Amino acid sequence: MSAKTITGKLSFGVEFDGQDHVEFELRLFTAGDNIAALMEVGPENGMRLSCAMLARALMRLGDIPKDALTYAFLAENLVDDDFDVLMLAQSELKKKLRLSSASSPTIGKPSPSLESTATASDVSGA
């Protein structure tokens, strides 16, 4: 599992090739996921858009081949409660990454090219 992914289990699972698949790995949504999903399903329905984005961000769902994890497949086979599990996992991953980036220092001495424009608040992080 990457630092930018989250794993979990669906409540009901998705059937594929006669087996239920419940374990998943999900990465953060990207702007590209959003753009591609908008082009695929349009902006009219938020749940449809989220489902299309999930199809792109799911790294793994049990043993289902990645190329089978499409919007059409998820829309047809993912129960509503499991959709909620995946969306909650996406929110939890964002929260986890926000907290970890907030605790790691990112401000240091400005590079020489920036020293002339840096203010005390820029350097102190205030």
N, C-alpha and C. Protein backbone atom coordinates (compact mmCIF):
# COMPACT_ATOMS: atom_id res chain seq x y z
N MET A 1 0.84 -1.18 0.00
CA MET A 1 0.00 0.00 0.00
C MET A 1 0.88 1.24 0.00
N SER A 2 0.61 2.15 -0.88
CA SER A 2 1.32 3.42 -0.98
C SER A 2 0.83 4.37 0.11
N ALA A 3 1.61 5.41 0.39
CA ALA A 3 1.18 6.41 1.36
C ALA A 3 -0.04 7.17 0.87
N LYS A 4 -0.27 7.15 -0.43
CA LYS A 4 -1.41 7.88 -0.99
C LYS A 4 -2.55 6.95 -1.38
N THR A 5 -2.62 5.80 -0.74
CA THR A 5 -3.74 4.88 -0.95
C THR A 5 -4.27 4.44 0.41
N ILE A 6 -5.47 3.90 0.38
CA ILE A 6 -6.09 3.37 1.59
C ILE A 6 -6.69 2.02 1.24
N THR A 7 -6.65 1.10 2.19
CA THR A 7 -7.24 -0.22 1.97
C THR A 7 -8.42 -0.40 2.93
N GLY A 8 -9.29 -1.32 2.57
CA GLY A 8 -10.43 -1.61 3.41
C GLY A 8 -11.24 -2.75 2.85
N LYS A 9 -12.41 -2.95 3.45
CA LYS A 9 -13.31 -4.03 3.01
C LYS A 9 -14.70 -3.47 2.80
N LEU A 10 -15.33 -3.91 1.72
CA LEU A 10 -16.71 -3.55 1.46
C LEU A 10 -17.62 -4.35 2.39
N SER A 11 -18.80 -3.83 2.64
CA SER A 11 -19.77 -4.52 3.50
C SER A 11 -20.39 -5.72 2.81
N PHE A 12 -20.70 -5.58 1.52
CA PHE A 12 -21.39 -6.63 0.77
C PHE A 12 -20.51 -7.27 -0.30
N GLY A 13 -19.66 -6.50 -0.91
CA GLY A 13 -18.78 -7.01 -1.95
C GLY A 13 -19.41 -6.95 -3.33
N VAL A 14 -18.58 -7.20 -4.31
CA VAL A 14 -18.97 -7.17 -5.71
C VAL A 14 -18.72 -8.55 -6.30
N GLU A 15 -19.72 -9.10 -6.98
CA GLU A 15 -19.56 -10.41 -7.60
C GLU A 15 -18.88 -10.26 -8.96
N PHE A 16 -17.90 -11.13 -9.19
CA PHE A 16 -17.20 -11.18 -10.47
C PHE A 16 -16.72 -12.61 -10.66
N ASP A 17 -17.04 -13.20 -11.79
CA ASP A 17 -16.67 -14.59 -12.09
C ASP A 17 -17.11 -15.55 -10.98
N GLY A 18 -18.31 -15.33 -10.46
CA GLY A 18 -18.87 -16.24 -9.47
C GLY A 18 -18.34 -16.09 -8.06
N GLN A 19 -17.49 -15.09 -7.82
CA GLN A 19 -16.92 -14.88 -6.49
C GLN A 19 -17.25 -13.48 -6.01
N ASP A 20 -17.44 -13.33 -4.70
CA ASP A 20 -17.61 -12.01 -4.11
C ASP A 20 -16.24 -11.45 -3.76
N HIS A 21 -16.03 -10.19 -4.10
CA HIS A 21 -14.76 -9.51 -3.85
C HIS A 21 -15.02 -8.34 -2.91
N VAL A 22 -14.30 -8.30 -1.79
CA VAL A 22 -14.58 -7.27 -0.78
C VAL A 22 -13.39 -6.38 -0.44
N GLU A 23 -12.18 -6.88 -0.55
CA GLU A 23 -11.00 -6.09 -0.17
C GLU A 23 -10.66 -5.12 -1.29
N PHE A 24 -10.39 -3.86 -0.89
CA PHE A 24 -10.08 -2.85 -1.90
C PHE A 24 -8.86 -2.02 -1.51
N GLU A 25 -8.27 -1.41 -2.52
CA GLU A 25 -7.25 -0.38 -2.34
C GLU A 25 -7.66 0.78 -3.22
N LEU A 26 -7.69 1.96 -2.64
CA LEU A 26 -8.19 3.15 -3.32
C LEU A 26 -7.15 4.25 -3.20
N ARG A 27 -6.88 4.95 -4.29
CA ARG A 27 -5.96 6.08 -4.26
C ARG A 27 -6.77 7.37 -4.27
N LEU A 28 -6.08 8.47 -4.02
CA LEU A 28 -6.74 9.78 -4.07
C LEU A 28 -7.26 10.07 -5.47
N PHE A 29 -8.39 10.73 -5.53
CA PHE A 29 -8.89 11.23 -6.82
C PHE A 29 -7.92 12.30 -7.33
N THR A 30 -7.76 12.36 -8.64
CA THR A 30 -6.95 13.40 -9.26
C THR A 30 -7.83 14.29 -10.12
N ALA A 31 -7.28 15.42 -10.53
CA ALA A 31 -8.01 16.29 -11.45
C ALA A 31 -8.30 15.53 -12.74
N GLY A 32 -7.36 14.70 -13.18
CA GLY A 32 -7.57 13.91 -14.39
C GLY A 32 -8.74 12.94 -14.25
N ASP A 33 -8.89 12.36 -13.06
CA ASP A 33 -10.04 11.48 -12.80
C ASP A 33 -11.34 12.27 -12.96
N ASN A 34 -11.36 13.47 -12.41
CA ASN A 34 -12.55 14.30 -12.48
C ASN A 34 -12.88 14.68 -13.92
N ILE A 35 -11.88 15.09 -14.66
CA ILE A 35 -12.08 15.49 -16.06
C ILE A 35 -12.59 14.30 -16.89
N ALA A 36 -11.92 13.16 -16.76
CA ALA A 36 -12.32 11.98 -17.53
C ALA A 36 -13.73 11.53 -17.15
N ALA A 37 -14.05 11.58 -15.85
CA ALA A 37 -15.38 11.19 -15.40
C ALA A 37 -16.44 12.14 -15.94
N LEU A 38 -16.15 13.44 -15.93
CA LEU A 38 -17.08 14.42 -16.49
C LEU A 38 -17.33 14.16 -17.97
N MET A 39 -16.28 13.81 -18.69
CA MET A 39 -16.42 13.53 -20.12
C MET A 39 -17.22 12.24 -20.34
N GLU A 40 -17.06 11.28 -19.43
CA GLU A 40 -17.75 9.99 -19.58
C GLU A 40 -19.23 10.06 -19.22
N VAL A 41 -19.55 10.70 -18.09
CA VAL A 41 -20.94 10.65 -17.60
C VAL A 41 -21.63 12.00 -17.54
N GLY A 42 -20.88 13.10 -17.73
CA GLY A 42 -21.49 14.42 -17.67
C GLY A 42 -21.65 14.92 -16.24
N PRO A 43 -21.97 16.20 -16.08
CA PRO A 43 -22.03 16.81 -14.75
C PRO A 43 -23.40 16.75 -14.08
N GLU A 44 -24.39 16.19 -14.74
CA GLU A 44 -25.77 16.28 -14.25
C GLU A 44 -26.03 15.53 -12.95
N ASN A 45 -25.34 14.43 -12.73
CA ASN A 45 -25.65 13.57 -11.59
C ASN A 45 -24.39 13.34 -10.77
N GLY A 46 -24.38 13.85 -9.54
CA GLY A 46 -23.20 13.75 -8.69
C GLY A 46 -22.82 12.33 -8.33
N MET A 47 -23.80 11.47 -8.10
CA MET A 47 -23.48 10.08 -7.74
C MET A 47 -22.87 9.35 -8.93
N ARG A 48 -23.39 9.61 -10.10
CA ARG A 48 -22.84 8.99 -11.32
C ARG A 48 -21.39 9.45 -11.51
N LEU A 49 -21.15 10.74 -11.31
CA LEU A 49 -19.80 11.30 -11.45
C LEU A 49 -18.86 10.67 -10.42
N SER A 50 -19.30 10.56 -9.18
CA SER A 50 -18.47 9.94 -8.13
C SER A 50 -18.18 8.48 -8.44
N CYS A 51 -19.15 7.77 -8.97
CA CYS A 51 -18.95 6.37 -9.33
C CYS A 51 -17.90 6.24 -10.45
N ALA A 52 -17.96 7.14 -11.42
CA ALA A 52 -16.97 7.12 -12.51
C ALA A 52 -15.58 7.45 -11.98
N MET A 53 -15.50 8.35 -11.00
CA MET A 53 -14.20 8.67 -10.41
C MET A 53 -13.68 7.50 -9.57
N LEU A 54 -14.57 6.83 -8.86
CA LEU A 54 -14.15 5.64 -8.09
C LEU A 54 -13.58 4.57 -9.01
N ALA A 55 -14.21 4.38 -10.16
CA ALA A 55 -13.72 3.38 -11.11
C ALA A 55 -12.27 3.66 -11.50
N ARG A 56 -11.92 4.92 -11.61
CA ARG A 56 -10.55 5.28 -11.97
C ARG A 56 -9.58 5.17 -10.79
N ALA A 57 -10.07 5.46 -9.58
CA ALA A 57 -9.19 5.51 -8.42
C ALA A 57 -9.03 4.16 -7.71
N LEU A 58 -9.90 3.20 -8.02
CA LEU A 58 -9.75 1.87 -7.40
C LEU A 58 -8.51 1.19 -7.96
N MET A 59 -7.55 0.94 -7.11
CA MET A 59 -6.33 0.25 -7.53
C MET A 59 -6.56 -1.26 -7.54
N ARG A 60 -7.43 -1.70 -6.64
CA ARG A 60 -7.69 -3.12 -6.50
C ARG A 60 -9.04 -3.32 -5.85
N LEU A 61 -9.79 -4.27 -6.35
CA LEU A 61 -11.03 -4.71 -5.71
C LEU A 61 -11.02 -6.23 -5.78
N GLY A 62 -10.59 -6.84 -4.68
CA GLY A 62 -10.43 -8.29 -4.66
C GLY A 62 -9.47 -8.72 -5.76
N ASP A 63 -9.89 -9.73 -6.52
CA ASP A 63 -9.08 -10.23 -7.63
C ASP A 63 -9.63 -9.80 -8.99
N ILE A 64 -10.50 -8.81 -8.98
CA ILE A 64 -11.09 -8.34 -10.24
C ILE A 64 -10.00 -7.61 -11.04
N PRO A 65 -9.83 -7.96 -12.32
CA PRO A 65 -8.82 -7.25 -13.13
C PRO A 65 -9.12 -5.76 -13.17
N LYS A 66 -8.07 -4.95 -13.08
CA LYS A 66 -8.21 -3.49 -13.05
C LYS A 66 -9.02 -2.99 -14.24
N ASP A 67 -8.80 -3.56 -15.42
CA ASP A 67 -9.51 -3.07 -16.61
C ASP A 67 -11.00 -3.40 -16.60
N ALA A 68 -11.43 -4.27 -15.68
CA ALA A 68 -12.86 -4.56 -15.54
C ALA A 68 -13.56 -3.58 -14.60
N LEU A 69 -12.78 -2.82 -13.85
CA LEU A 69 -13.34 -1.87 -12.88
C LEU A 69 -13.73 -0.57 -13.59
N THR A 70 -14.77 -0.63 -14.36
CA THR A 70 -15.24 0.53 -15.12
C THR A 70 -16.45 1.15 -14.43
N TYR A 71 -16.81 2.34 -14.89
CA TYR A 71 -18.02 2.98 -14.38
C TYR A 71 -19.23 2.07 -14.58
N ALA A 72 -19.37 1.52 -15.78
CA ALA A 72 -20.53 0.67 -16.08
C ALA A 72 -20.58 -0.54 -15.15
N PHE A 73 -19.42 -1.17 -14.91
CA PHE A 73 -19.37 -2.34 -14.03
C PHE A 73 -19.76 -1.96 -12.60
N LEU A 74 -19.17 -0.88 -12.08
CA LEU A 74 -19.48 -0.47 -10.70
C LEU A 74 -20.93 -0.04 -10.57
N ALA A 75 -21.43 0.71 -11.54
CA ALA A 75 -22.82 1.18 -11.48
C ALA A 75 -23.79 0.01 -11.45
N GLU A 76 -23.44 -1.06 -12.13
CA GLU A 76 -24.31 -2.23 -12.20
C GLU A 76 -24.16 -3.18 -11.01
N ASN A 77 -22.97 -3.22 -10.40
CA ASN A 77 -22.68 -4.26 -9.42
C ASN A 77 -22.39 -3.79 -7.99
N LEU A 78 -22.12 -2.53 -7.80
CA LEU A 78 -21.78 -2.01 -6.48
C LEU A 78 -23.05 -1.58 -5.75
N VAL A 79 -23.31 -2.18 -4.58
CA VAL A 79 -24.51 -1.78 -3.82
C VAL A 79 -24.26 -0.42 -3.17
N ASP A 80 -25.34 0.27 -2.89
CA ASP A 80 -25.27 1.63 -2.37
C ASP A 80 -24.43 1.74 -1.10
N ASP A 81 -24.58 0.79 -0.17
CA ASP A 81 -23.80 0.84 1.07
C ASP A 81 -22.30 0.73 0.78
N ASP A 82 -21.92 -0.09 -0.19
CA ASP A 82 -20.50 -0.23 -0.54
C ASP A 82 -19.98 1.01 -1.26
N PHE A 83 -20.83 1.67 -2.03
CA PHE A 83 -20.47 2.96 -2.62
C PHE A 83 -20.11 3.93 -1.50
N ASP A 84 -20.93 3.95 -0.45
CA ASP A 84 -20.68 4.83 0.70
C ASP A 84 -19.37 4.48 1.40
N VAL A 85 -19.07 3.18 1.52
CA VAL A 85 -17.81 2.74 2.13
C VAL A 85 -16.62 3.30 1.35
N LEU A 86 -16.68 3.23 0.03
CA LEU A 86 -15.58 3.73 -0.81
C LEU A 86 -15.45 5.25 -0.72
N MET A 87 -16.57 5.95 -0.71
CA MET A 87 -16.51 7.41 -0.61
C MET A 87 -15.98 7.84 0.76
N LEU A 88 -16.36 7.12 1.81
CA LEU A 88 -15.84 7.40 3.14
C LEU A 88 -14.34 7.13 3.20
N ALA A 89 -13.89 6.07 2.56
CA ALA A 89 -12.46 5.76 2.50
C ALA A 89 -11.70 6.88 1.80
N GLN A 90 -12.27 7.42 0.73
CA GLN A 90 -11.64 8.54 0.02
C GLN A 90 -11.51 9.74 0.96
N SER A 91 -12.55 10.04 1.73
CA SER A 91 -12.51 11.15 2.69
C SER A 91 -11.48 10.90 3.78
N GLU A 92 -11.43 9.67 4.29
CA GLU A 92 -10.46 9.33 5.34
C GLU A 92 -9.03 9.46 4.83
N LEU A 93 -8.79 9.06 3.60
CA LEU A 93 -7.45 9.18 3.01
C LEU A 93 -7.05 10.64 2.91
N LYS A 94 -7.95 11.49 2.46
CA LYS A 94 -7.66 12.93 2.38
C LYS A 94 -7.33 13.49 3.76
N LYS A 95 -8.12 13.11 4.75
CA LYS A 95 -7.91 13.60 6.12
C LYS A 95 -6.54 13.13 6.63
N LYS A 96 -6.21 11.87 6.41
CA LYS A 96 -4.94 11.31 6.85
C LYS A 96 -3.77 12.06 6.21
N LEU A 97 -3.87 12.32 4.92
CA LEU A 97 -2.78 13.00 4.23
C LEU A 97 -2.67 14.46 4.65
N ARG A 98 -3.81 15.11 4.91
CA ARG A 98 -3.78 16.49 5.40
C ARG A 98 -3.09 16.56 6.75
N LEU A 99 -3.42 15.66 7.65
CA LEU A 99 -2.82 15.65 8.98
C LEU A 99 -1.33 15.37 8.92
N SER A 100 -0.91 14.43 8.07
CA SER A 100 0.51 14.11 7.99
C SER A 100 1.30 15.25 7.35
N SER A 101 0.72 15.95 6.39
CA SER A 101 1.44 17.07 5.78
C SER A 101 1.46 18.27 6.71
N ALA A 102 0.46 18.42 7.58
CA ALA A 102 0.44 19.53 8.53
C ALA A 102 1.49 19.34 9.62
N SER A 103 1.82 18.10 9.94
CA SER A 103 2.79 17.84 11.00
C SER A 103 4.23 17.85 10.51
N SER A 104 4.45 17.82 9.21
CA SER A 104 5.82 17.83 8.70
C SER A 104 6.20 19.24 8.27
N PRO A 105 7.37 19.71 8.71
CA PRO A 105 7.78 21.08 8.36
C PRO A 105 8.05 21.19 6.86
N THR A 106 7.57 22.27 6.29
CA THR A 106 7.80 22.49 4.86
C THR A 106 8.49 23.82 4.60
N ILE A 107 8.63 24.65 5.61
CA ILE A 107 9.23 25.96 5.43
C ILE A 107 10.66 25.91 5.95
N GLY A 108 11.55 26.38 5.17
CA GLY A 108 12.94 26.46 5.58
C GLY A 108 13.50 27.80 5.14
N LYS A 109 14.78 27.87 5.09
CA LYS A 109 15.42 29.09 4.62
C LYS A 109 15.12 29.24 3.14
N PRO A 110 14.70 30.43 2.70
CA PRO A 110 14.41 30.62 1.28
C PRO A 110 15.66 30.46 0.44
N SER A 111 15.45 30.06 -0.79
CA SER A 111 16.58 29.95 -1.70
C SER A 111 17.12 31.35 -1.97
N PRO A 112 18.39 31.47 -2.37
CA PRO A 112 18.97 32.80 -2.60
C PRO A 112 18.13 33.67 -3.55
N SER A 113 17.51 33.06 -4.54
CA SER A 113 16.72 33.85 -5.48
C SER A 113 15.45 34.40 -4.84
N LEU A 114 15.01 33.80 -3.74
CA LEU A 114 13.79 34.25 -3.07
C LEU A 114 14.06 35.12 -1.85
N GLU A 115 15.31 35.17 -1.37
CA GLU A 115 15.60 35.90 -0.15
C GLU A 115 15.18 37.36 -0.21
N SER A 116 15.33 37.99 -1.35
CA SER A 116 15.00 39.40 -1.45
C SER A 116 13.50 39.66 -1.35
N THR A 117 12.67 38.65 -1.64
CA THR A 117 11.22 38.85 -1.59
C THR A 117 10.58 38.22 -0.37
N ALA A 118 11.33 37.42 0.39
CA ALA A 118 10.77 36.74 1.55
C ALA A 118 10.54 37.72 2.69
N THR A 119 9.43 37.55 3.41
CA THR A 119 9.15 38.35 4.59
C THR A 119 9.33 37.47 5.81
N ALA A 120 9.29 38.09 6.98
CA ALA A 120 9.43 37.33 8.22
C ALA A 120 8.33 36.28 8.34
N SER A 121 7.12 36.61 7.92
CA SER A 121 6.03 35.64 8.03
C SER A 121 6.21 34.49 7.05
N ASP A 122 6.82 34.75 5.89
CA ASP A 122 7.08 33.67 4.94
C ASP A 122 8.04 32.65 5.53
N VAL A 123 9.08 33.12 6.18
CA VAL A 123 10.12 32.24 6.69
C VAL A 123 9.66 31.52 7.95
N SER A 124 8.90 32.20 8.81
CA SER A 124 8.48 31.58 10.06
C SER A 124 7.28 30.67 9.88
N GLY A 125 6.60 30.76 8.74
CA GLY A 125 5.42 29.94 8.50
C GLY A 125 4.17 30.57 9.07
N ALA A 126 4.26 31.80 9.55
CA ALA A 126 3.09 32.48 10.12
C ALA A 126 2.16 32.97 9.05
